[in-house]
Protein backbone atom coordinates (compact mmCIF):
# COMPACT_ATOMS: atom_id res chain seq x y z
CA UNK A 1 0.29 0.23 0.08
CA UNK A 2 1.43 3.46 -1.01
CA UNK A 3 0.86 6.81 0.64
CA UNK A 4 -1.33 9.83 -0.35
CA UNK A 5 -1.71 13.37 0.65
CA UNK A 6 -5.24 14.95 0.38
CA UNK A 7 -6.58 18.19 0.67
CA UNK A 8 -9.79 19.00 1.72
CA UNK A 9 -12.02 22.00 1.05
CA UNK A 10 -15.28 22.85 2.99
CA UNK A 11 -17.80 25.95 2.04
CA UNK A 12 -20.28 24.73 4.11
CA UNK A 13 -21.77 25.71 7.75
CA UNK A 14 -21.19 29.45 7.66
CA UNK A 15 -17.34 29.14 7.48
CA UNK A 16 -14.38 27.93 5.09
CA UNK A 17 -12.57 24.79 6.36
CA UNK A 18 -9.41 23.16 5.20
CA UNK A 19 -7.75 20.34 6.12
CA UNK A 20 -4.31 18.56 4.79
CA UNK A 21 -4.50 14.97 5.41
CA UNK A 22 -1.61 11.89 4.83
CA UNK A 23 -2.78 8.20 4.34
CA UNK A 24 0.25 5.79 4.91
CA UNK A 25 0.33 2.26 5.36
CA UNK A 26 -3.27 2.31 6.02
CA UNK A 27 -3.34 5.06 8.75
CA UNK A 28 -4.87 8.32 8.09
CA UNK A 29 -3.11 11.47 9.90
CA UNK A 30 -4.35 15.08 10.11
CA UNK A 31 -1.30 17.19 9.32
CA UNK A 32 -3.05 20.23 9.37
CA UNK A 33 -6.16 22.23 9.74
CA UNK A 34 -7.95 26.07 9.72
CA UNK A 35 -11.10 27.50 9.26
CA UNK A 36 -12.25 31.02 8.72
CA UNK A 37 -15.98 31.68 10.30
CA UNK A 38 -15.61 35.16 8.40
CA UNK A 39 -15.97 33.31 4.86
CA UNK A 40 -18.78 31.01 3.55
CA UNK A 41 -22.04 31.20 4.60
CA UNK A 42 -24.51 33.32 3.54
CA UNK A 43 -21.59 35.97 1.99
CA UNK A 44 -20.32 33.17 -0.45
CA UNK A 45 -24.09 31.82 -1.30
CA UNK A 46 -24.56 35.39 -2.31
CA UNK A 47 -21.80 35.77 -4.40
CA UNK A 48 -22.35 32.12 -5.96
CA UNK A 49 -25.67 33.43 -6.61
CA UNK A 50 -24.80 37.05 -8.28
CA UNK A 51 -21.88 35.01 -10.33
CA UNK A 52 -24.27 32.77 -11.96
CA UNK A 53 -27.32 35.36 -12.31
CA UNK A 54 -24.55 37.52 -14.43
CA UNK A 55 -23.53 34.22 -16.06
CA UNK A 56 -27.26 33.63 -17.27
CA UNK A 57 -27.66 37.36 -18.34
CA UNK A 58 -24.62 37.50 -20.56
CA UNK A 59 -25.56 34.40 -22.00
CA UNK A 60 -29.18 34.72 -22.75
CA UNK A 61 -29.11 38.72 -22.56
CA UNK A 62 -32.43 38.83 -20.78
CA UNK A 63 -33.41 40.93 -17.56
CA UNK A 64 -35.52 38.19 -16.15
CA UNK A 65 -33.39 38.42 -12.72
CA UNK A 66 -33.97 42.54 -12.16
CA UNK A 67 -36.35 42.27 -9.61
CA UNK A 68 -35.54 41.76 -6.15
CA UNK A 69 -38.66 38.67 -6.14
CA UNK A 70 -36.85 36.78 -8.74
CA UNK A 71 -33.62 37.31 -6.84
CA UNK A 72 -35.02 35.84 -3.08
CA UNK A 73 -36.74 32.61 -5.43
CA UNK A 74 -33.61 32.05 -6.72
CA UNK A 75 -31.64 31.75 -3.78
CA UNK A 76 -34.52 29.71 -2.01
CA UNK A 77 -34.52 27.28 -4.70
CA UNK A 78 -30.58 27.21 -5.19
CA UNK A 79 -30.11 26.23 -1.53
CA UNK A 80 -33.07 24.12 -0.38
């Protein structure tokens, strides 16, 4: 059995967390872990939604997402 190193990125739960793990001879070892509670969550969700809305507008040249109601509906459908 060989060895492997893995990097995990978790963007959920209102924070951004990263971990670096190694697997060697069947033993899993956490080498490092860190997180930032000020990243991720609603801020990340809203930026992601805004990006996809802008891409949709650019590709379709339509203003379907110009109202707050559409924004709210997209946010609910995207995350629930």
